[in-house]
Amino acid sequence: MAQLETTTRIFRIERKDIVFLKFIIEAYEGIAVLTTLERDSGTVRLSIAPGCEQEVTAVLADLRQTIRMEPLGTPPGPSPQQQPPALIGATTFEARPRRTQ
């Protein structure tokens, strides 16, 4: 049986979006954990639970309508061939204004 490992991705987002993204990720209990690495620059780490890569990819794709995420790569670890294809070369999302009520 293969050992499952957490997939980690590093992103830069706008400071104002850190808490928003954290709450969205936490709402999907158990799929990932968002950690702020550097608050001033908006650098965050997304640690994705084994087997949840596709769900996280779908969530991030939906968030492109709301926030801009700049992928900063992956920390040292398994080679890209061992990573899920949907997360290799993560996408830069376009910023769009949030709806106000």
PDB file of N, CA and C in Angstrom:
ATOM      1  N   MET A   1       0.843  -1.180   0.000  1.00  0.00           N
ATOM      2  CA  MET A   1       0.000   0.000   0.000  1.00  0.00           C
ATOM      3  C   MET A   1       0.888   1.244   0.000  1.00  0.00           C
ATOM      4  N   ALA A   2       0.624   2.172  -0.889  1.00  0.00           N
ATOM      5  CA  ALA A   2       1.419   3.396  -1.002  1.00  0.00           C
ATOM      6  C   ALA A   2       1.117   4.329   0.165  1.00  0.00           C
ATOM      7  N   GLN A   3       2.181   5.003   0.619  1.00  0.00           N
ATOM      8  CA  GLN A   3       2.005   5.959   1.707  1.00  0.00           C
ATOM      9  C   GLN A   3       1.492   7.269   1.122  1.00  0.00           C
ATOM     10  N   LEU A   4       0.453   7.823   1.725  1.00  0.00           N
ATOM     11  CA  LEU A   4      -0.124   9.075   1.250  1.00  0.00           C
ATOM     12  C   LEU A   4       0.569  10.246   1.922  1.00  0.00           C
ATOM     13  N   GLU A   5       0.819  11.300   1.167  1.00  0.00           N
ATOM     14  CA  GLU A   5       1.489  12.484   1.690  1.00  0.00           C
ATOM     15  C   GLU A   5       0.679  13.726   1.385  1.00  0.00           C
ATOM     16  N   THR A   6       0.838  14.704   2.245  1.00  0.00           N
ATOM     17  CA  THR A   6       0.186  15.998   2.051  1.00  0.00           C
ATOM     18  C   THR A   6       0.840  16.718   0.884  1.00  0.00           C
ATOM     19  N   THR A   7       0.036  17.326   0.027  1.00  0.00           N
ATOM     20  CA  THR A   7       0.525  18.153  -1.073  1.00  0.00           C
ATOM     21  C   THR A   7       0.569  19.589  -0.581  1.00  0.00           C
ATOM     22  N   THR A   8       1.665  20.269  -0.833  1.00  0.00           N
ATOM     23  CA  THR A   8       1.821  21.640  -0.355  1.00  0.00           C
ATOM     24  C   THR A   8       2.041  22.586  -1.519  1.00  0.00           C
ATOM     25  N   ARG A   9       1.348  23.716  -1.482  1.00  0.00           N
ATOM     26  CA  ARG A   9       1.494  24.768  -2.495  1.00  0.00           C
ATOM     27  C   ARG A   9       1.648  26.107  -1.780  1.00  0.00           C
ATOM     28  N   ILE A  10       2.476  26.965  -2.357  1.00  0.00           N
ATOM     29  CA  ILE A  10       2.707  28.297  -1.809  1.00  0.00           C
ATOM     30  C   ILE A  10       2.115  29.314  -2.789  1.00  0.00           C
ATOM     31  N   PHE A  11       1.361  30.292  -2.261  1.00  0.00           N
ATOM     32  CA  PHE A  11       0.739  31.335  -3.067  1.00  0.00           C
ATOM     33  C   PHE A  11       0.983  32.708  -2.453  1.00  0.00           C
ATOM     34  N   ARG A  12       0.912  33.719  -3.277  1.00  0.00           N
ATOM     35  CA  ARG A  12       0.862  35.100  -2.794  1.00  0.00           C
ATOM     36  C   ARG A  12      -0.520  35.626  -3.146  1.00  0.00           C
ATOM     37  N   ILE A  13      -1.211  36.156  -2.140  1.00  0.00           N
ATOM     38  CA  ILE A  13      -2.523  36.745  -2.342  1.00  0.00           C
ATOM     39  C   ILE A  13      -2.521  38.120  -1.682  1.00  0.00           C
ATOM     40  N   GLU A  14      -3.524  38.915  -1.970  1.00  0.00           N
ATOM     41  CA  GLU A  14      -3.615  40.220  -1.337  1.00  0.00           C
ATOM     42  C   GLU A  14      -3.875  40.021   0.151  1.00  0.00           C
ATOM     43  N   ARG A  15      -3.250  40.862   0.978  1.00  0.00           N
ATOM     44  CA  ARG A  15      -3.391  40.738   2.430  1.00  0.00           C
ATOM     45  C   ARG A  15      -4.849  40.679   2.863  1.00  0.00           C
ATOM     46  N   LYS A  16      -5.670  41.498   2.251  1.00  0.00           N
ATOM     47  CA  LYS A  16      -7.079  41.570   2.633  1.00  0.00           C
ATOM     48  C   LYS A  16      -7.827  40.267   2.352  1.00  0.00           C
ATOM     49  N   ASP A  17      -7.260  39.402   1.525  1.00  0.00           N
ATOM     50  CA  ASP A  17      -7.928  38.148   1.159  1.00  0.00           C
ATOM     51  C   ASP A  17      -7.479  36.943   1.993  1.00  0.00           C
ATOM     52  N   ILE A  18      -6.483  37.123   2.853  1.00  0.00           N
ATOM     53  CA  ILE A  18      -5.958  35.987   3.625  1.00  0.00           C
ATOM     54  C   ILE A  18      -7.041  35.363   4.498  1.00  0.00           C
ATOM     55  N   VAL A  19      -7.730  36.180   5.275  1.00  0.00           N
ATOM     56  CA  VAL A  19      -8.760  35.650   6.179  1.00  0.00           C
ATOM     57  C   VAL A  19      -9.919  35.049   5.382  1.00  0.00           C
ATOM     58  N   PHE A  20     -10.308  35.712   4.300  1.00  0.00           N
ATOM     59  CA  PHE A  20     -11.386  35.185   3.449  1.00  0.00           C
ATOM     60  C   PHE A  20     -11.034  33.790   2.942  1.00  0.00           C
ATOM     61  N   LEU A  21      -9.837  33.628   2.378  1.00  0.00           N
ATOM     62  CA  LEU A  21      -9.420  32.330   1.850  1.00  0.00           C
ATOM     63  C   LEU A  21      -9.332  31.296   2.965  1.00  0.00           C
ATOM     64  N   LYS A  22      -8.814  31.684   4.115  1.00  0.00           N
ATOM     65  CA  LYS A  22      -8.713  30.756   5.244  1.00  0.00           C
ATOM     66  C   LYS A  22     -10.095  30.239   5.644  1.00  0.00           C
ATOM     67  N   PHE A  23     -11.089  31.130   5.738  1.00  0.00           N
ATOM     68  CA  PHE A  23     -12.435  30.708   6.114  1.00  0.00           C
ATOM     69  C   PHE A  23     -13.061  29.801   5.053  1.00  0.00           C
ATOM     70  N   ILE A  24     -12.830  30.096   3.794  1.00  0.00           N
ATOM     71  CA  ILE A  24     -13.367  29.239   2.722  1.00  0.00           C
ATOM     72  C   ILE A  24     -12.763  27.839   2.824  1.00  0.00           C
ATOM     73  N   ILE A  25     -11.449  27.757   2.977  1.00  0.00           N
ATOM     74  CA  ILE A  25     -10.779  26.459   3.080  1.00  0.00           C
ATOM     75  C   ILE A  25     -11.263  25.709   4.317  1.00  0.00           C
ATOM     76  N   GLU A  26     -11.407  26.405   5.442  1.00  0.00           N
ATOM     77  CA  GLU A  26     -11.865  25.758   6.673  1.00  0.00           C
ATOM     78  C   GLU A  26     -13.308  25.268   6.558  1.00  0.00           C
ATOM     79  N   ALA A  27     -14.107  25.929   5.737  1.00  0.00           N
ATOM     80  CA  ALA A  27     -15.500  25.510   5.552  1.00  0.00           C
ATOM     81  C   ALA A  27     -15.585  24.113   4.922  1.00  0.00           C
ATOM     82  N   TYR A  28     -14.590  23.759   4.137  1.00  0.00           N
ATOM     83  CA  TYR A  28     -14.496  22.421   3.554  1.00  0.00           C
ATOM     84  C   TYR A  28     -13.663  21.570   4.511  1.00  0.00           C
ATOM     85  N   GLU A  29     -14.232  21.211   5.620  1.00  0.00           N
ATOM     86  CA  GLU A  29     -13.514  20.552   6.711  1.00  0.00           C
ATOM     87  C   GLU A  29     -12.643  19.393   6.242  1.00  0.00           C
ATOM     88  N   GLY A  30     -11.375  19.496   6.593  1.00  0.00           N
ATOM     89  CA  GLY A  30     -10.455  18.392   6.382  1.00  0.00           C
ATOM     90  C   GLY A  30      -9.773  18.299   5.036  1.00  0.00           C
ATOM     91  N   ILE A  31     -10.101  19.173   4.069  1.00  0.00           N
ATOM     92  CA  ILE A  31      -9.465  19.020   2.757  1.00  0.00           C
ATOM     93  C   ILE A  31      -8.110  19.705   2.691  1.00  0.00           C
ATOM     94  N   ALA A  32      -7.936  20.783   3.485  1.00  0.00           N
ATOM     95  CA  ALA A  32      -6.673  21.512   3.433  1.00  0.00           C
ATOM     96  C   ALA A  32      -6.565  22.442   4.638  1.00  0.00           C
ATOM     97  N   VAL A  33      -5.345  22.908   4.861  1.00  0.00           N
ATOM     98  CA  VAL A  33      -5.072  23.879   5.915  1.00  0.00           C
ATOM     99  C   VAL A  33      -4.306  25.031   5.286  1.00  0.00           C
ATOM    100  N   LEU A  34      -4.746  26.256   5.561  1.00  0.00           N
ATOM    101  CA  LEU A  34      -4.063  27.441   5.054  1.00  0.00           C
ATOM    102  C   LEU A  34      -3.250  28.051   6.186  1.00  0.00           C
ATOM    103  N   THR A  35      -1.970  28.284   5.929  1.00  0.00           N
ATOM    104  CA  THR A  35      -1.077  28.882   6.905  1.00  0.00           C
ATOM    105  C   THR A  35      -0.483  30.145   6.313  1.00  0.00           C
ATOM    106  N   THR A  36      -0.514  31.237   7.070  1.00  0.00           N
ATOM    107  CA  THR A  36       0.110  32.482   6.625  1.00  0.00           C
ATOM    108  C   THR A  36       1.606  32.391   6.902  1.00  0.00           C
ATOM    109  N   LEU A  37       2.406  32.499   5.849  1.00  0.00           N
ATOM    110  CA  LEU A  37       3.860  32.449   6.011  1.00  0.00           C
ATOM    111  C   LEU A  37       4.442  33.837   6.223  1.00  0.00           C
ATOM    112  N   GLU A  38       3.903  34.810   5.482  1.00  0.00           N
ATOM    113  CA  GLU A  38       4.381  36.195   5.598  1.00  0.00           C
ATOM    114  C   GLU A  38       3.197  37.124   5.349  1.00  0.00           C
ATOM    115  N   ARG A  39       2.695  37.682   6.425  1.00  0.00           N
ATOM    116  CA  ARG A  39       1.474  38.492   6.361  1.00  0.00           C
ATOM    117  C   ARG A  39       1.632  39.712   5.462  1.00  0.00           C
ATOM    118  N   ASP A  40       2.758  40.432   5.582  1.00  0.00           N
ATOM    119  CA  ASP A  40       2.927  41.677   4.827  1.00  0.00           C
ATOM    120  C   ASP A  40       2.912  41.469   3.317  1.00  0.00           C
ATOM    121  N   SER A  41       3.477  40.365   2.858  1.00  0.00           N
ATOM    122  CA  SER A  41       3.505  40.114   1.411  1.00  0.00           C
ATOM    123  C   SER A  41       2.326  39.257   0.957  1.00  0.00           C
ATOM    124  N   GLY A  42       1.543  38.720   1.898  1.00  0.00           N
ATOM    125  CA  GLY A  42       0.413  37.873   1.528  1.00  0.00           C
ATOM    126  C   GLY A  42       0.822  36.473   1.116  1.00  0.00           C
ATOM    127  N   THR A  43       1.964  35.999   1.608  1.00  0.00           N
ATOM    128  CA  THR A  43       2.446  34.668   1.259  1.00  0.00           C
ATOM    129  C   THR A  43       1.805  33.637   2.181  1.00  0.00           C
ATOM    130  N   VAL A  44       1.138  32.652   1.568  1.00  0.00           N
ATOM    131  CA  VAL A  44       0.448  31.614   2.324  1.00  0.00           C
ATOM    132  C   VAL A  44       0.825  30.234   1.807  1.00  0.00           C
ATOM    133  N   ARG A  45       0.689  29.250   2.686  1.00  0.00           N
ATOM    134  CA  ARG A  45       0.943  27.855   2.310  1.00  0.00           C
ATOM    135  C   ARG A  45      -0.368  27.099   2.419  1.00  0.00           C
ATOM    136  N   LEU A  46      -0.690  26.341   1.404  1.00  0.00           N
ATOM    137  CA  LEU A  46      -1.872  25.500   1.389  1.00  0.00           C
ATOM    138  C   LEU A  46      -1.409  24.052   1.485  1.00  0.00           C
ATOM    139  N   SER A  47      -1.720  23.395   2.602  1.00  0.00           N
ATOM    140  CA  SER A  47      -1.360  21.993   2.810  1.00  0.00           C
ATOM    141  C   SER A  47      -2.614  21.164   2.543  1.00  0.00           C
ATOM    142  N   ILE A  48      -2.569  20.388   1.472  1.00  0.00           N
ATOM    143  CA  ILE A  48      -3.739  19.665   0.979  1.00  0.00           C
ATOM    144  C   ILE A  48      -3.690  18.217   1.457  1.00  0.00           C
ATOM    145  N   ALA A  49      -4.771  17.784   2.077  1.00  0.00           N
ATOM    146  CA  ALA A  49      -4.854  16.416   2.590  1.00  0.00           C
ATOM    147  C   ALA A  49      -4.776  15.404   1.449  1.00  0.00           C
ATOM    148  N   PRO A  50      -4.161  14.253   1.715  1.00  0.00           N
ATOM    149  CA  PRO A  50      -4.077  13.210   0.690  1.00  0.00           C
ATOM    150  C   PRO A  50      -5.468  12.839   0.172  1.00  0.00           C
ATOM    151  N   GLY A  51      -5.580  12.760  -1.150  1.00  0.00           N
ATOM    152  CA  GLY A  51      -6.842  12.390  -1.771  1.00  0.00           C
ATOM    153  C   GLY A  51      -7.802  13.547  -1.995  1.00  0.00           C
ATOM    154  N   CYS A  52      -7.441  14.746  -1.560  1.00  0.00           N
ATOM    155  CA  CYS A  52      -8.338  15.910  -1.686  1.00  0.00           C
ATOM    156  C   CYS A  52      -7.878  16.905  -2.748  1.00  0.00           C
ATOM    157  N   GLU A  53      -6.876  16.542  -3.523  1.00  0.00           N
ATOM    158  CA  GLU A  53      -6.302  17.472  -4.491  1.00  0.00           C
ATOM    159  C   GLU A  53      -7.322  17.973  -5.504  1.00  0.00           C
ATOM    160  N   GLN A  54      -8.167  17.085  -6.023  1.00  0.00           N
ATOM    161  CA  GLN A  54      -9.152  17.499  -7.027  1.00  0.00           C
ATOM    162  C   GLN A  54     -10.192  18.436  -6.438  1.00  0.00           C
ATOM    163  N   GLU A  55     -10.617  18.170  -5.224  1.00  0.00           N
ATOM    164  CA  GLU A  55     -11.606  19.045  -4.583  1.00  0.00           C
ATOM    165  C   GLU A  55     -11.017  20.431  -4.325  1.00  0.00           C
ATOM    166  N   VAL A  56      -9.779  20.483  -3.865  1.00  0.00           N
ATOM    167  CA  VAL A  56      -9.124  21.775  -3.631  1.00  0.00           C
ATOM    168  C   VAL A  56      -8.941  22.513  -4.948  1.00  0.00           C
ATOM    169  N   THR A  57      -8.563  21.797  -5.993  1.00  0.00           N
ATOM    170  CA  THR A  57      -8.415  22.412  -7.306  1.00  0.00           C
ATOM    171  C   THR A  57      -9.726  23.052  -7.750  1.00  0.00           C
ATOM    172  N   ALA A  58     -10.843  22.361  -7.523  1.00  0.00           N
ATOM    173  CA  ALA A  58     -12.159  22.894  -7.895  1.00  0.00           C
ATOM    174  C   ALA A  58     -12.502  24.137  -7.080  1.00  0.00           C
ATOM    175  N   VAL A  59     -12.197  24.115  -5.798  1.00  0.00           N
ATOM    176  CA  VAL A  59     -12.462  25.275  -4.937  1.00  0.00           C
ATOM    177  C   VAL A  59     -11.637  26.473  -5.401  1.00  0.00           C
ATOM    178  N   LEU A  60     -10.358  26.252  -5.667  1.00  0.00           N
ATOM    179  CA  LEU A  60      -9.486  27.343  -6.119  1.00  0.00           C
ATOM    180  C   LEU A  60      -9.939  27.887  -7.473  1.00  0.00           C
ATOM    181  N   ALA A  61     -10.380  27.014  -8.351  1.00  0.00           N
ATOM    182  CA  ALA A  61     -10.871  27.464  -9.655  1.00  0.00           C
ATOM    183  C   ALA A  61     -12.097  28.352  -9.495  1.00  0.00           C
ATOM    184  N   ASP A  62     -12.969  28.000  -8.570  1.00  0.00           N
ATOM    185  CA  ASP A  62     -14.160  28.821  -8.323  1.00  0.00           C
ATOM    186  C   ASP A  62     -13.775  30.171  -7.706  1.00  0.00           C
ATOM    187  N   LEU A  63     -12.755  30.167  -6.877  1.00  0.00           N
ATOM    188  CA  LEU A  63     -12.331  31.411  -6.211  1.00  0.00           C
ATOM    189  C   LEU A  63     -11.694  32.417  -7.175  1.00  0.00           C
ATOM    190  N   ARG A  64     -11.350  31.987  -8.373  1.00  0.00           N
ATOM    191  CA  ARG A  64     -10.731  32.916  -9.329  1.00  0.00           C
ATOM    192  C   ARG A  64     -11.661  34.075  -9.666  1.00  0.00           C
ATOM    193  N   GLN A  65     -12.948  33.901  -9.404  1.00  0.00           N
ATOM    194  CA  GLN A  65     -13.907  34.985  -9.635  1.00  0.00           C
ATOM    195  C   GLN A  65     -13.834  36.040  -8.534  1.00  0.00           C
ATOM    196  N   THR A  66     -13.194  35.715  -7.423  1.00  0.00           N
ATOM    197  CA  THR A  66     -13.200  36.586  -6.257  1.00  0.00           C
ATOM    198  C   THR A  66     -11.828  37.123  -5.875  1.00  0.00           C
ATOM    199  N   ILE A  67     -10.811  36.265  -5.907  1.00  0.00           N
ATOM    200  CA  ILE A  67      -9.477  36.699  -5.469  1.00  0.00           C
ATOM    201  C   ILE A  67      -8.405  36.310  -6.487  1.00  0.00           C
ATOM    202  N   ARG A  68      -7.298  37.000  -6.403  1.00  0.00           N
ATOM    203  CA  ARG A  68      -6.152  36.724  -7.284  1.00  0.00           C
ATOM    204  C   ARG A  68      -5.116  35.958  -6.473  1.00  0.00           C
ATOM    205  N   MET A  69      -4.626  34.846  -7.010  1.00  0.00           N
ATOM    206  CA  MET A  69      -3.613  34.030  -6.348  1.00  0.00           C
ATOM    207  C   MET A  69      -2.432  33.867  -7.295  1.00  0.00           C
ATOM    208  N   GLU A  70      -1.253  34.201  -6.792  1.00  0.00           N
ATOM    209  CA  GLU A  70      -0.034  34.026  -7.578  1.00  0.00           C
ATOM    210  C   GLU A  70       0.722  32.817  -7.041  1.00  0.00           C
ATOM    211  N   PRO A  71       0.840  31.747  -7.819  1.00  0.00           N
ATOM    212  CA  PRO A  71       1.579  30.580  -7.337  1.00  0.00           C
ATOM    213  C   PRO A  71       3.059  30.903  -7.204  1.00  0.00           C
ATOM    214  N   LEU A  72       3.644  30.501  -6.098  1.00  0.00           N
ATOM    215  CA  LEU A  72       5.069  30.731  -5.857  1.00  0.00           C
ATOM    216  C   LEU A  72       5.850  29.435  -5.892  1.00  0.00           C
ATOM    217  N   GLY A  73       5.193  28.369  -6.303  1.00  0.00           N
ATOM    218  CA  GLY A  73       5.889  27.099  -6.417  1.00  0.00           C
ATOM    219  C   GLY A  73       5.544  26.162  -5.284  1.00  0.00           C
ATOM    220  N   THR A  74       6.364  25.137  -5.167  1.00  0.00           N
ATOM    221  CA  THR A  74       6.171  24.138  -4.129  1.00  0.00           C
ATOM    222  C   THR A  74       7.425  24.063  -3.284  1.00  0.00           C
ATOM    223  N   PRO A  75       7.273  23.759  -2.012  1.00  0.00           N
ATOM    224  CA  PRO A  75       8.463  23.567  -1.186  1.00  0.00           C
ATOM    225  C   PRO A  75       9.159  22.281  -1.584  1.00  0.00           C
ATOM    226  N   PRO A  76      10.408  22.083  -1.141  1.00  0.00           N
ATOM    227  CA  PRO A  76      11.102  20.834  -1.472  1.00  0.00           C
ATOM    228  C   PRO A  76      10.284  19.630  -1.029  1.00  0.00           C
ATOM    229  N   GLY A  77      10.276  18.611  -1.830  1.00  0.00           N
ATOM    230  CA  GLY A  77       9.505  17.415  -1.493  1.00  0.00           C
ATOM    231  C   GLY A  77       9.457  16.491  -2.676  1.00  0.00           C
ATOM    232  N   PRO A  78       8.356  15.774  -2.840  1.00  0.00           N
ATOM    233  CA  PRO A  78       8.227  14.839  -3.961  1.00  0.00           C
ATOM    234  C   PRO A  78       8.372  15.554  -5.298  1.00  0.00           C
ATOM    235  N   SER A  79       8.873  14.852  -6.277  1.00  0.00           N
ATOM    236  CA  SER A  79       9.054  15.445  -7.598  1.00  0.00           C
ATOM    237  C   SER A  79       7.702  15.776  -8.220  1.00  0.00           C
ATOM    238  N   PRO A  80       7.668  16.697  -9.210  1.00  0.00           N
ATOM    239  CA  PRO A  80       6.405  17.038  -9.863  1.00  0.00           C
ATOM    240  C   PRO A  80       5.687  15.833 -10.468  1.00  0.00           C
ATOM    241  N   GLN A  81       6.427  14.799 -10.860  1.00  0.00           N
ATOM    242  CA  GLN A  81       5.791  13.622 -11.433  1.00  0.00           C
ATOM    243  C   GLN A  81       4.935  12.906 -10.393  1.00  0.00           C
ATOM    244  N   GLN A  82       5.223  13.108  -9.112  1.00  0.00           N
ATOM    245  CA  GLN A  82       4.468  12.465  -8.053  1.00  0.00           C
ATOM    246  C   GLN A  82       3.281  13.318  -7.602  1.00  0.00           C
ATOM    247  N   GLN A  83       3.174  14.541  -8.094  1.00  0.00           N
ATOM    248  CA  GLN A  83       2.090  15.433  -7.705  1.00  0.00           C
ATOM    249  C   GLN A  83       0.894  15.232  -8.628  1.00  0.00           C
ATOM    250  N   PRO A  84      -0.317  15.510  -8.136  1.00  0.00           N
ATOM    251  CA  PRO A  84      -1.503  15.393  -8.989  1.00  0.00           C
ATOM    252  C   PRO A  84      -1.430  16.365 -10.158  1.00  0.00           C
ATOM    253  N   PRO A  85      -1.718  15.936 -11.379  1.00  0.00           N
ATOM    254  CA  PRO A  85      -1.599  16.787 -12.553  1.00  0.00           C
ATOM    255  C   PRO A  85      -2.390  18.092 -12.450  1.00  0.00           C
ATOM    256  N   ALA A  86      -3.527  18.091 -11.780  1.00  0.00           N
ATOM    257  CA  ALA A  86      -4.360  19.297 -11.707  1.00  0.00           C
ATOM    258  C   ALA A  86      -3.688  20.406 -10.919  1.00  0.00           C
ATOM    259  N   LEU A  87      -2.687  20.084 -10.084  1.00  0.00           N
ATOM    260  CA  LEU A  87      -2.048  21.105  -9.265  1.00  0.00           C
ATOM    261  C   LEU A  87      -0.666  21.498  -9.781  1.00  0.00           C
ATOM    262  N   ILE A  88      -0.142  20.785 -10.762  1.00  0.00           N
ATOM    263  CA  ILE A  88       1.159  21.141 -11.316  1.00  0.00           C
ATOM    264  C   ILE A  88       1.008  22.423 -12.119  1.00  0.00           C
ATOM    265  N   GLY A  89       1.896  23.384 -11.901  1.00  0.00           N
ATOM    266  CA  GLY A  89       1.824  24.649 -12.625  1.00  0.00           C
ATOM    267  C   GLY A  89       0.532  25.375 -12.325  1.00  0.00           C
ATOM    268  N   ALA A  90       0.254  25.607 -11.062  1.00  0.00           N
ATOM    269  CA  ALA A  90      -1.000  26.245 -10.640  1.00  0.00           C
ATOM    270  C   ALA A  90      -1.282  27.499 -11.445  1.00  0.00           C
ATOM    271  N   THR A  91      -2.520  27.848 -11.533  1.00  0.00           N
ATOM    272  CA  THR A  91      -2.989  28.945 -12.371  1.00  0.00           C
ATOM    273  C   THR A  91      -2.994  30.269 -11.619  1.00  0.00           C
ATOM    274  N   THR A  92      -2.674  31.356 -12.303  1.00  0.00           N
ATOM    275  CA  THR A  92      -2.825  32.684 -11.717  1.00  0.00           C
ATOM    276  C   THR A  92      -4.258  33.121 -11.963  1.00  0.00           C
ATOM    277  N   PHE A  93      -4.912  33.535 -10.916  1.00  0.00           N
ATOM    278  CA  PHE A  93      -6.300  33.929 -11.008  1.00  0.00           C
ATOM    279  C   PHE A  93      -6.417  35.424 -11.195  1.00  0.00           C
ATOM    280  N   GLU A  94      -7.405  35.853 -11.957  1.00  0.00           N
ATOM    281  CA  GLU A  94      -7.651  37.268 -12.188  1.00  0.00           C
ATOM    282  C   GLU A  94      -8.464  37.845 -11.039  1.00  0.00           C
ATOM    283  N   ALA A  95      -8.128  39.071 -10.662  1.00  0.00           N
ATOM    284  CA  ALA A  95      -8.880  39.734  -9.602  1.00  0.00           C
ATOM    285  C   ALA A  95     -10.174  40.296 -10.180  1.00  0.00           C
ATOM    286  N   ARG A  96     -11.233  40.110  -9.462  1.00  0.00           N
ATOM    287  CA  ARG A  96     -12.523  40.688  -9.828  1.00  0.00           C
ATOM    288  C   ARG A  96     -13.093  41.341  -8.584  1.00  0.00           C
ATOM    289  N   PRO A  97     -13.837  42.421  -8.762  1.00  0.00           N
ATOM    290  CA  PRO A  97     -14.390  43.081  -7.575  1.00  0.00           C
ATOM    291  C   PRO A  97     -15.384  42.181  -6.858  1.00  0.00           C
ATOM    292  N   ARG A  98     -15.380  42.285  -5.530  1.00  0.00           N
ATOM    293  CA  ARG A  98     -16.344  41.530  -4.740  1.00  0.00           C
ATOM    294  C   ARG A  98     -17.698  42.209  -4.801  1.00  0.00           C
ATOM    295  N   ARG A  99     -18.727  41.398  -4.692  1.00  0.00           N
ATOM    296  CA  ARG A  99     -20.082  41.944  -4.660  1.00  0.00           C
ATOM    297  C   ARG A  99     -20.321  42.562  -3.290  1.00  0.00           C
ATOM    298  N   THR A 100     -20.971  43.694  -3.297  1.00  0.00           N
ATOM    299  CA  THR A 100     -21.365  44.298  -2.027  1.00  0.00           C
ATOM    300  C   THR A 100     -22.877  44.292  -1.935  1.00  0.00           C
ATOM    301  N   GLN A 101     -23.348  44.114  -0.722  1.00  0.00           N
ATOM    302  CA  GLN A 101     -24.800  44.040  -0.550  1.00  0.00           C
ATOM    303  C   GLN A 101     -25.312  45.240   0.177  1.00  0.00           C
TER     304      GLN A 101
END
